Amino acid sequence: MKFAQEHLPAKTGFNKLSNESPLKDANWVLVFGSVNRFSERNFASQIQKRYPQAHIIGCTTSGEITGDGVFDDSVHITAMQWEQSTLKFITKPISSMEQSHAVGAQLAKELMADDLKGVFVLSDGLNVNGSELVEGLQEVLTNVPITGGLAGDDAKFSKTLLLNNDKIQDRSVIAVGIYGDKAIVTSGALGGWKPYGPPRRITKAIKNVVYELDNKPALPLYKMYIAIMPINCPPQV
């Protein structure tokens, strides 16, 4: 596999990139950026012009991670050319969190094959229960690595967006299946969260959705801590 990356800092347009993309034969492109950048005019078409042979997917974040650090309001593009593997892209709409498990299972069934080596998933971050989505995938694909993430919106909790070729939309899940005898898929994770504020007891929750902390509504308390956290908090994707 070959890959190349491009980065557009805040307030920098596509005209600042080189005239030719660094990997014009890419067949899969990943794009991460802020909601503001995804909402720019002709955002999707400008990436398609740079990578006309690729299937392009991506999502909004709460900060963009590169080898040089964490950025806000930027665009990060990773172009890949999978030379000896087959890729399958599936997108499913989702209208409520209650559908999360079923959508995960449906995606898994459509991706399942003897030579499936890994699955990459991007999902709406506000209308999907991520834990239920993953459980639905894992129930069908019991021994297949699954990685990916939920879209963010800089902790505004208002609207997250996904990019799928020429479409930018919310309320959807995108899954990519990676196939082939020579494909090797692994994943890694690193967490940097530290305790913040006094310990509290969860007094009401349904699965992984917390409604009360210490017998008080959880959302106002959560918003209070979000408002006073450092600006460069870890991104969701």
C-alpha atoms as a PDB file:
ATOM      1  CA  MET A   1       0.000   0.000   0.000  1.00  0.00           C
ATOM      2  CA  LYS A   2       1.141   3.534  -0.814  1.00  0.00           C
ATOM      3  CA  PHE A   3      -0.094   6.647   0.954  1.00  0.00           C
ATOM      4  CA  ALA A   4       0.433  10.404   0.963  1.00  0.00           C
ATOM      5  CA  GLN A   5      -0.933  13.178   3.177  1.00  0.00           C
ATOM      6  CA  GLU A   6      -1.913  16.800   2.695  1.00  0.00           C
ATOM      7  CA  HIS A   7      -2.821  19.359   5.355  1.00  0.00           C
ATOM      8  CA  LEU A   8      -4.641  22.675   5.119  1.00  0.00           C
ATOM      9  CA  PRO A   9      -4.311  24.811   8.271  1.00  0.00           C
ATOM     10  CA  ALA A  10      -7.107  27.121   9.402  1.00  0.00           C
ATOM     11  CA  LYS A  11      -8.063  29.861   6.921  1.00  0.00           C
ATOM     12  CA  THR A  12      -6.077  28.161   4.141  1.00  0.00           C
ATOM     13  CA  GLY A  13      -7.847  27.261   0.896  1.00  0.00           C
ATOM     14  CA  PHE A  14      -7.305  24.403  -1.539  1.00  0.00           C
ATOM     15  CA  ASN A  15      -5.552  26.819  -3.896  1.00  0.00           C
ATOM     16  CA  LYS A  16      -2.566  26.699  -1.537  1.00  0.00           C
ATOM     17  CA  LEU A  17      -1.968  23.024  -2.318  1.00  0.00           C
ATOM     18  CA  SER A  18       0.264  21.910  -5.164  1.00  0.00           C
ATOM     19  CA  ASN A  19      -1.332  21.754  -8.597  1.00  0.00           C
ATOM     20  CA  GLU A  20      -1.129  17.938  -8.620  1.00  0.00           C
ATOM     21  CA  SER A  21      -2.085  15.602  -5.817  1.00  0.00           C
ATOM     22  CA  PRO A  22       0.803  13.628  -4.286  1.00  0.00           C
ATOM     23  CA  LEU A  23      -0.876  10.284  -5.071  1.00  0.00           C
ATOM     24  CA  LYS A  24      -3.074  10.706  -8.135  1.00  0.00           C
ATOM     25  CA  ASP A  25      -3.774   6.949  -8.410  1.00  0.00           C
ATOM     26  CA  ALA A  26      -5.212   6.693  -4.878  1.00  0.00           C
ATOM     27  CA  ASN A  27      -8.276   4.451  -4.586  1.00  0.00           C
ATOM     28  CA  TRP A  28      -9.243   5.445  -1.017  1.00  0.00           C
ATOM     29  CA  VAL A  29      -9.012   8.909   0.531  1.00  0.00           C
ATOM     30  CA  LEU A  30      -9.739   9.817   4.158  1.00  0.00           C
ATOM     31  CA  VAL A  31     -10.620  13.415   5.037  1.00  0.00           C
ATOM     32  CA  PHE A  32     -10.905  14.900   8.527  1.00  0.00           C
ATOM     33  CA  GLY A  33     -11.737  18.525   9.300  1.00  0.00           C
ATOM     34  CA  SER A  34     -13.883  20.963  11.220  1.00  0.00           C
ATOM     35  CA  VAL A  35     -17.597  21.529  10.602  1.00  0.00           C
ATOM     36  CA  ASN A  36     -16.736  24.964   9.213  1.00  0.00           C
ATOM     37  CA  ARG A  37     -14.369  23.478   6.631  1.00  0.00           C
ATOM     38  CA  PHE A  38     -16.799  20.732   5.602  1.00  0.00           C
ATOM     39  CA  SER A  39     -19.440  23.434   5.090  1.00  0.00           C
ATOM     40  CA  GLU A  40     -17.292  25.434   2.663  1.00  0.00           C
ATOM     41  CA  ARG A  41     -18.594  25.859  -0.858  1.00  0.00           C
ATOM     42  CA  ASN A  42     -17.431  23.109  -3.259  1.00  0.00           C
ATOM     43  CA  PHE A  43     -15.551  21.323  -0.447  1.00  0.00           C
ATOM     44  CA  ALA A  44     -16.298  17.812  -1.721  1.00  0.00           C
ATOM     45  CA  SER A  45     -15.784  18.605  -5.410  1.00  0.00           C
ATOM     46  CA  GLN A  46     -12.353  20.130  -4.776  1.00  0.00           C
ATOM     47  CA  ILE A  47     -11.142  16.914  -3.168  1.00  0.00           C
ATOM     48  CA  GLN A  48     -12.667  14.838  -5.957  1.00  0.00           C
ATOM     49  CA  LYS A  49     -10.729  16.881  -8.525  1.00  0.00           C
ATOM     50  CA  ARG A  50      -7.482  16.037  -6.737  1.00  0.00           C
ATOM     51  CA  TYR A  51      -8.300  12.332  -6.432  1.00  0.00           C
ATOM     52  CA  PRO A  52     -10.631  11.428  -9.317  1.00  0.00           C
ATOM     53  CA  GLN A  53     -10.114   7.641  -9.051  1.00  0.00           C
ATOM     54  CA  ALA A  54     -10.620   7.371  -5.293  1.00  0.00           C
ATOM     55  CA  HIS A  55     -13.580   6.648  -3.077  1.00  0.00           C
ATOM     56  CA  ILE A  56     -13.486   9.583  -0.665  1.00  0.00           C
ATOM     57  CA  ILE A  57     -14.878   9.405   2.856  1.00  0.00           C
ATOM     58  CA  GLY A  58     -14.358  11.446   6.000  1.00  0.00           C
ATOM     59  CA  CYS A  59     -15.957  13.211   8.919  1.00  0.00           C
ATOM     60  CA  THR A  60     -15.849  16.300  11.086  1.00  0.00           C
ATOM     61  CA  THR A  61     -13.805  16.285  14.286  1.00  0.00           C
ATOM     62  CA  SER A  62     -13.085  18.092  17.531  1.00  0.00           C
ATOM     63  CA  GLY A  63      -9.506  18.700  16.400  1.00  0.00           C
ATOM     64  CA  GLU A  64      -7.371  17.282  13.597  1.00  0.00           C
ATOM     65  CA  ILE A  65      -4.360  15.119  14.494  1.00  0.00           C
ATOM     66  CA  THR A  66      -1.254  15.117  12.301  1.00  0.00           C
ATOM     67  CA  GLY A  67       2.358  14.164  12.798  1.00  0.00           C
ATOM     68  CA  ASP A  68       2.996  17.801  13.727  1.00  0.00           C
ATOM     69  CA  GLY A  69       0.367  18.002  16.472  1.00  0.00           C
ATOM     70  CA  VAL A  70      -3.314  18.779  16.981  1.00  0.00           C
ATOM     71  CA  PHE A  71      -4.984  21.507  14.909  1.00  0.00           C
ATOM     72  CA  ASP A  72      -8.332  23.313  14.971  1.00  0.00           C
ATOM     73  CA  ASP A  73     -10.406  24.305  11.941  1.00  0.00           C
ATOM     74  CA  SER A  74      -8.048  22.572   9.525  1.00  0.00           C
ATOM     75  CA  VAL A  75      -8.371  19.853   6.871  1.00  0.00           C
ATOM     76  CA  HIS A  76      -6.244  16.698   6.878  1.00  0.00           C
ATOM     77  CA  ILE A  77      -6.252  14.421   3.825  1.00  0.00           C
ATOM     78  CA  THR A  78      -4.786  10.912   3.685  1.00  0.00           C
ATOM     79  CA  ALA A  79      -4.679   9.355   0.218  1.00  0.00           C
ATOM     80  CA  MET A  80      -4.082   5.600  -0.087  1.00  0.00           C
ATOM     81  CA  GLN A  81      -3.453   3.229  -2.955  1.00  0.00           C
ATOM     82  CA  TRP A  82      -4.322  -0.348  -2.013  1.00  0.00           C
ATOM     83  CA  GLU A  83      -2.513  -2.298  -4.707  1.00  0.00           C
ATOM     84  CA  GLN A  84      -3.194  -5.898  -3.690  1.00  0.00           C
ATOM     85  CA  SER A  85      -6.404  -5.607  -1.690  1.00  0.00           C
ATOM     86  CA  THR A  86     -10.063  -5.104  -2.546  1.00  0.00           C
ATOM     87  CA  LEU A  87     -12.173  -2.423  -0.872  1.00  0.00           C
ATOM     88  CA  LYS A  88     -15.939  -2.339  -0.387  1.00  0.00           C
ATOM     89  CA  PHE A  89     -17.730   0.844   0.729  1.00  0.00           C
ATOM     90  CA  ILE A  90     -21.222   0.791   2.263  1.00  0.00           C
ATOM     91  CA  THR A  91     -23.271   3.711   3.620  1.00  0.00           C
ATOM     92  CA  LYS A  92     -26.405   3.349   5.744  1.00  0.00           C
ATOM     93  CA  PRO A  93     -28.761   6.080   6.942  1.00  0.00           C
ATOM     94  CA  ILE A  94     -29.695   6.181  10.614  1.00  0.00           C
ATOM     95  CA  SER A  95     -32.474   8.264  12.129  1.00  0.00           C
ATOM     96  CA  SER A  96     -32.204   7.442  15.840  1.00  0.00           C
ATOM     97  CA  MET A  97     -29.881   5.916  18.421  1.00  0.00           C
ATOM     98  CA  GLU A  98     -32.255   2.997  18.826  1.00  0.00           C
ATOM     99  CA  GLN A  99     -31.250   1.792  15.348  1.00  0.00           C
ATOM    100  CA  SER A 100     -27.522   1.694  16.159  1.00  0.00           C
ATOM    101  CA  HIS A 101     -27.232  -2.022  16.923  1.00  0.00           C
ATOM    102  CA  ALA A 102     -29.362  -3.063  13.946  1.00  0.00           C
ATOM    103  CA  VAL A 103     -27.420  -0.841  11.530  1.00  0.00           C
ATOM    104  CA  GLY A 104     -24.133  -2.288  12.790  1.00  0.00           C
ATOM    105  CA  ALA A 105     -25.355  -5.835  12.261  1.00  0.00           C
ATOM    106  CA  GLN A 106     -26.714  -5.003   8.803  1.00  0.00           C
ATOM    107  CA  LEU A 107     -23.403  -3.463   7.728  1.00  0.00           C
ATOM    108  CA  ALA A 108     -21.522  -6.506   9.017  1.00  0.00           C
ATOM    109  CA  LYS A 109     -23.722  -8.935   7.104  1.00  0.00           C
ATOM    110  CA  GLU A 110     -23.194  -7.030   3.856  1.00  0.00           C
ATOM    111  CA  LEU A 111     -19.423  -6.876   4.391  1.00  0.00           C
ATOM    112  CA  MET A 112     -18.954 -10.465   5.532  1.00  0.00           C
ATOM    113  CA  ALA A 113     -16.803 -12.691   3.296  1.00  0.00           C
ATOM    114  CA  ASP A 114     -14.171 -15.387   3.738  1.00  0.00           C
ATOM    115  CA  ASP A 115     -11.308 -13.042   2.826  1.00  0.00           C
ATOM    116  CA  LEU A 116     -12.487 -10.031   4.893  1.00  0.00           C
ATOM    117  CA  LYS A 117      -9.447  -8.858   6.865  1.00  0.00           C
ATOM    118  CA  GLY A 118     -10.699  -5.673   8.507  1.00  0.00           C
ATOM    119  CA  VAL A 119     -13.461  -3.072   8.747  1.00  0.00           C
ATOM    120  CA  PHE A 120     -13.132   0.705   9.097  1.00  0.00           C
ATOM    121  CA  VAL A 121     -16.207   2.659  10.260  1.00  0.00           C
ATOM    122  CA  LEU A 122     -17.090   6.362  10.425  1.00  0.00           C
ATOM    123  CA  SER A 123     -20.366   7.409  12.017  1.00  0.00           C
ATOM    124  CA  ASP A 124     -22.513  10.399  12.851  1.00  0.00           C
ATOM    125  CA  GLY A 125     -21.460  11.411  16.358  1.00  0.00           C
ATOM    126  CA  LEU A 126     -24.763  12.689  17.778  1.00  0.00           C
ATOM    127  CA  ASN A 127     -27.488  10.372  16.477  1.00  0.00           C
ATOM    128  CA  VAL A 128     -25.667   7.072  16.962  1.00  0.00           C
ATOM    129  CA  ASN A 129     -24.863   5.026  20.049  1.00  0.00           C
ATOM    130  CA  GLY A 130     -21.277   4.058  19.266  1.00  0.00           C
ATOM    131  CA  SER A 131     -21.179   1.144  21.698  1.00  0.00           C
ATOM    132  CA  GLU A 132     -24.342  -0.378  20.245  1.00  0.00           C
ATOM    133  CA  LEU A 133     -23.084   0.130  16.705  1.00  0.00           C
ATOM    134  CA  VAL A 134     -19.860  -1.731  17.470  1.00  0.00           C
ATOM    135  CA  GLU A 135     -21.721  -4.527  19.278  1.00  0.00           C
ATOM    136  CA  GLY A 136     -23.896  -5.040  16.206  1.00  0.00           C
ATOM    137  CA  LEU A 137     -20.800  -5.295  14.019  1.00  0.00           C
ATOM    138  CA  GLN A 138     -18.984  -7.631  16.409  1.00  0.00           C
ATOM    139  CA  GLU A 139     -21.888 -10.032  16.799  1.00  0.00           C
ATOM    140  CA  VAL A 140     -21.602 -10.879  13.090  1.00  0.00           C
ATOM    141  CA  LEU A 141     -17.861 -10.321  12.521  1.00  0.00           C
ATOM    142  CA  THR A 142     -16.579 -12.092  15.600  1.00  0.00           C
ATOM    143  CA  ASN A 143     -12.919 -12.389  14.577  1.00  0.00           C
ATOM    144  CA  VAL A 144     -12.448  -9.373  12.281  1.00  0.00           C
ATOM    145  CA  PRO A 145     -10.612  -6.219  13.447  1.00  0.00           C
ATOM    146  CA  ILE A 146     -12.963  -3.210  13.537  1.00  0.00           C
ATOM    147  CA  THR A 147     -11.697   0.353  13.872  1.00  0.00           C
ATOM    148  CA  GLY A 148     -12.837   3.894  13.107  1.00  0.00           C
ATOM    149  CA  GLY A 149     -14.632   6.556  15.119  1.00  0.00           C
ATOM    150  CA  LEU A 150     -17.546   8.922  15.661  1.00  0.00           C
ATOM    151  CA  ALA A 151     -17.657  12.349  14.051  1.00  0.00           C
ATOM    152  CA  GLY A 152     -17.212  15.413  16.286  1.00  0.00           C
ATOM    153  CA  ASP A 153     -18.092  19.096  16.131  1.00  0.00           C
ATOM    154  CA  ASP A 154     -15.576  20.779  18.448  1.00  0.00           C
ATOM    155  CA  ALA A 155     -17.681  19.797  21.488  1.00  0.00           C
ATOM    156  CA  LYS A 156     -20.605  21.986  20.422  1.00  0.00           C
ATOM    157  CA  PHE A 157     -22.938  18.940  20.402  1.00  0.00           C
ATOM    158  CA  SER A 158     -24.951  20.519  17.606  1.00  0.00           C
ATOM    159  CA  LYS A 159     -24.290  18.722  14.292  1.00  0.00           C
ATOM    160  CA  THR A 160     -21.666  16.368  12.923  1.00  0.00           C
ATOM    161  CA  LEU A 161     -21.043  15.708   9.231  1.00  0.00           C
ATOM    162  CA  LEU A 162     -19.776  12.854   7.086  1.00  0.00           C
ATOM    163  CA  LEU A 163     -18.229  13.049   3.626  1.00  0.00           C
ATOM    164  CA  ASN A 164     -19.051  10.356   1.072  1.00  0.00           C
ATOM    165  CA  ASN A 165     -17.641  11.270  -2.354  1.00  0.00           C
ATOM    166  CA  ASP A 166     -19.783  14.212  -3.490  1.00  0.00           C
ATOM    167  CA  LYS A 167     -22.184  14.102  -0.522  1.00  0.00           C
ATOM    168  CA  ILE A 168     -21.831  15.808   2.858  1.00  0.00           C
ATOM    169  CA  GLN A 169     -24.498  14.639   5.283  1.00  0.00           C
ATOM    170  CA  ASP A 170     -25.340  13.734   8.855  1.00  0.00           C
ATOM    171  CA  ARG A 171     -27.342  10.793  10.238  1.00  0.00           C
ATOM    172  CA  SER A 172     -25.377   8.116   8.431  1.00  0.00           C
ATOM    173  CA  VAL A 173     -22.727   5.437   8.949  1.00  0.00           C
ATOM    174  CA  ILE A 174     -19.978   4.586   6.459  1.00  0.00           C
ATOM    175  CA  ALA A 175     -18.170   1.233   6.583  1.00  0.00           C
ATOM    176  CA  VAL A 176     -15.222   0.029   4.531  1.00  0.00           C
ATOM    177  CA  GLY A 177     -14.372  -3.645   4.145  1.00  0.00           C
ATOM    178  CA  ILE A 178     -10.767  -4.599   3.367  1.00  0.00           C
ATOM    179  CA  TYR A 179     -10.348  -7.917   1.547  1.00  0.00           C
ATOM    180  CA  GLY A 180      -7.545 -10.094   0.234  1.00  0.00           C
ATOM    181  CA  ASP A 181      -5.057 -12.744   1.310  1.00  0.00           C
ATOM    182  CA  LYS A 182      -2.226 -10.220   1.456  1.00  0.00           C
ATOM    183  CA  ALA A 183      -4.093  -7.628   3.534  1.00  0.00           C
ATOM    184  CA  ILE A 184      -2.922  -7.215   7.133  1.00  0.00           C
ATOM    185  CA  VAL A 185      -5.093  -5.020   9.362  1.00  0.00           C
ATOM    186  CA  THR A 186      -4.057  -3.984  12.871  1.00  0.00           C
ATOM    187  CA  SER A 187      -5.029  -1.124  15.166  1.00  0.00           C
ATOM    188  CA  GLY A 188      -3.726   0.751  18.180  1.00  0.00           C
ATOM    189  CA  ALA A 189      -5.136   3.193  20.710  1.00  0.00           C
ATOM    190  CA  LEU A 190      -3.675   5.696  23.141  1.00  0.00           C
ATOM    191  CA  GLY A 191      -5.719   7.562  25.744  1.00  0.00           C
ATOM    192  CA  GLY A 192      -4.695  10.740  27.515  1.00  0.00           C
ATOM    193  CA  TRP A 193      -7.697  11.555  29.688  1.00  0.00           C
ATOM    194  CA  LYS A 194      -7.135  12.410  33.368  1.00  0.00           C
ATOM    195  CA  PRO A 195      -9.684  12.757  36.210  1.00  0.00           C
ATOM    196  CA  TYR A 196     -11.297  16.195  36.241  1.00  0.00           C
ATOM    197  CA  GLY A 197     -13.394  17.528  39.105  1.00  0.00           C
ATOM    198  CA  PRO A 198     -14.698  15.656  42.177  1.00  0.00           C
ATOM    199  CA  PRO A 199     -15.768  11.983  41.987  1.00  0.00           C
ATOM    200  CA  ARG A 200     -19.472  11.559  41.225  1.00  0.00           C
ATOM    201  CA  ARG A 201     -21.874   8.629  41.285  1.00  0.00           C
ATOM    202  CA  ILE A 202     -24.020   7.713  38.297  1.00  0.00           C
ATOM    203  CA  THR A 203     -27.552   7.483  39.691  1.00  0.00           C
ATOM    204  CA  LYS A 204     -29.469   6.979  36.429  1.00  0.00           C
ATOM    205  CA  ALA A 205     -28.305   5.472  33.150  1.00  0.00           C
ATOM    206  CA  ILE A 206     -29.560   3.315  30.298  1.00  0.00           C
ATOM    207  CA  LYS A 207     -26.673   1.268  28.923  1.00  0.00           C
ATOM    208  CA  ASN A 208     -23.942   3.810  28.139  1.00  0.00           C
ATOM    209  CA  VAL A 209     -26.196   6.893  28.223  1.00  0.00           C
ATOM    210  CA  VAL A 210     -25.895   8.741  31.552  1.00  0.00           C
ATOM    211  CA  TYR A 211     -28.911  10.791  32.660  1.00  0.00           C
ATOM    212  CA  GLU A 212     -28.111  11.640  36.290  1.00  0.00           C
ATOM    213  CA  LEU A 213     -25.003  12.197  38.412  1.00  0.00           C
ATOM    214  CA  ASP A 214     -25.526  12.383  42.175  1.00  0.00           C
ATOM    215  CA  ASN A 215     -29.308  12.501  41.543  1.00  0.00           C
ATOM    216  CA  LYS A 216     -28.961  15.622  39.378  1.00  0.00           C
ATOM    217  CA  PRO A 217     -29.317  15.969  35.571  1.00  0.00           C
ATOM    218  CA  ALA A 218     -26.018  15.053  33.961  1.00  0.00           C
ATOM    219  CA  LEU A 219     -26.126  17.333  30.913  1.00  0.00           C
ATOM    220  CA  PRO A 220     -25.884  20.747  32.682  1.00  0.00           C
ATOM    221  CA  LEU A 221     -22.996  19.445  34.776  1.00  0.00           C
ATOM    222  CA  TYR A 222     -21.225  18.031  31.737  1.00  0.00           C
ATOM    223  CA  LYS A 223     -21.657  21.296  29.812  1.00  0.00           C
ATOM    224  CA  MET A 224     -20.242  23.237  32.760  1.00  0.00           C
ATOM    225  CA  TYR A 225     -17.046  21.173  32.737  1.00  0.00           C
ATOM    226  CA  ILE A 226     -16.779  21.287  28.931  1.00  0.00           C
ATOM    227  CA  ALA A 227     -16.968  25.091  29.085  1.00  0.00           C
ATOM    228  CA  ILE A 228     -13.949  25.345  31.395  1.00  0.00           C
ATOM    229  CA  MET A 229     -11.797  22.600  29.887  1.00  0.00           C
ATOM    230  CA  PRO A 230      -8.634  23.551  27.964  1.00  0.00           C
ATOM    231  CA  ILE A 231      -9.311  24.431  24.329  1.00  0.00           C
ATOM    232  CA  ASN A 232      -7.121  21.696  22.856  1.00  0.00           C
ATOM    233  CA  CYS A 233      -8.944  18.739  24.346  1.00  0.00           C
ATOM    234  CA  PRO A 234      -8.417  15.336  22.653  1.00  0.00           C
ATOM    235  CA  PRO A 235     -10.420  15.008  19.392  1.00  0.00           C
ATOM    236  CA  GLN A 236     -13.147  12.408  18.959  1.00  0.00           C
ATOM    237  CA  VAL A 237     -11.713  11.028  15.748  1.00  0.00           C
END
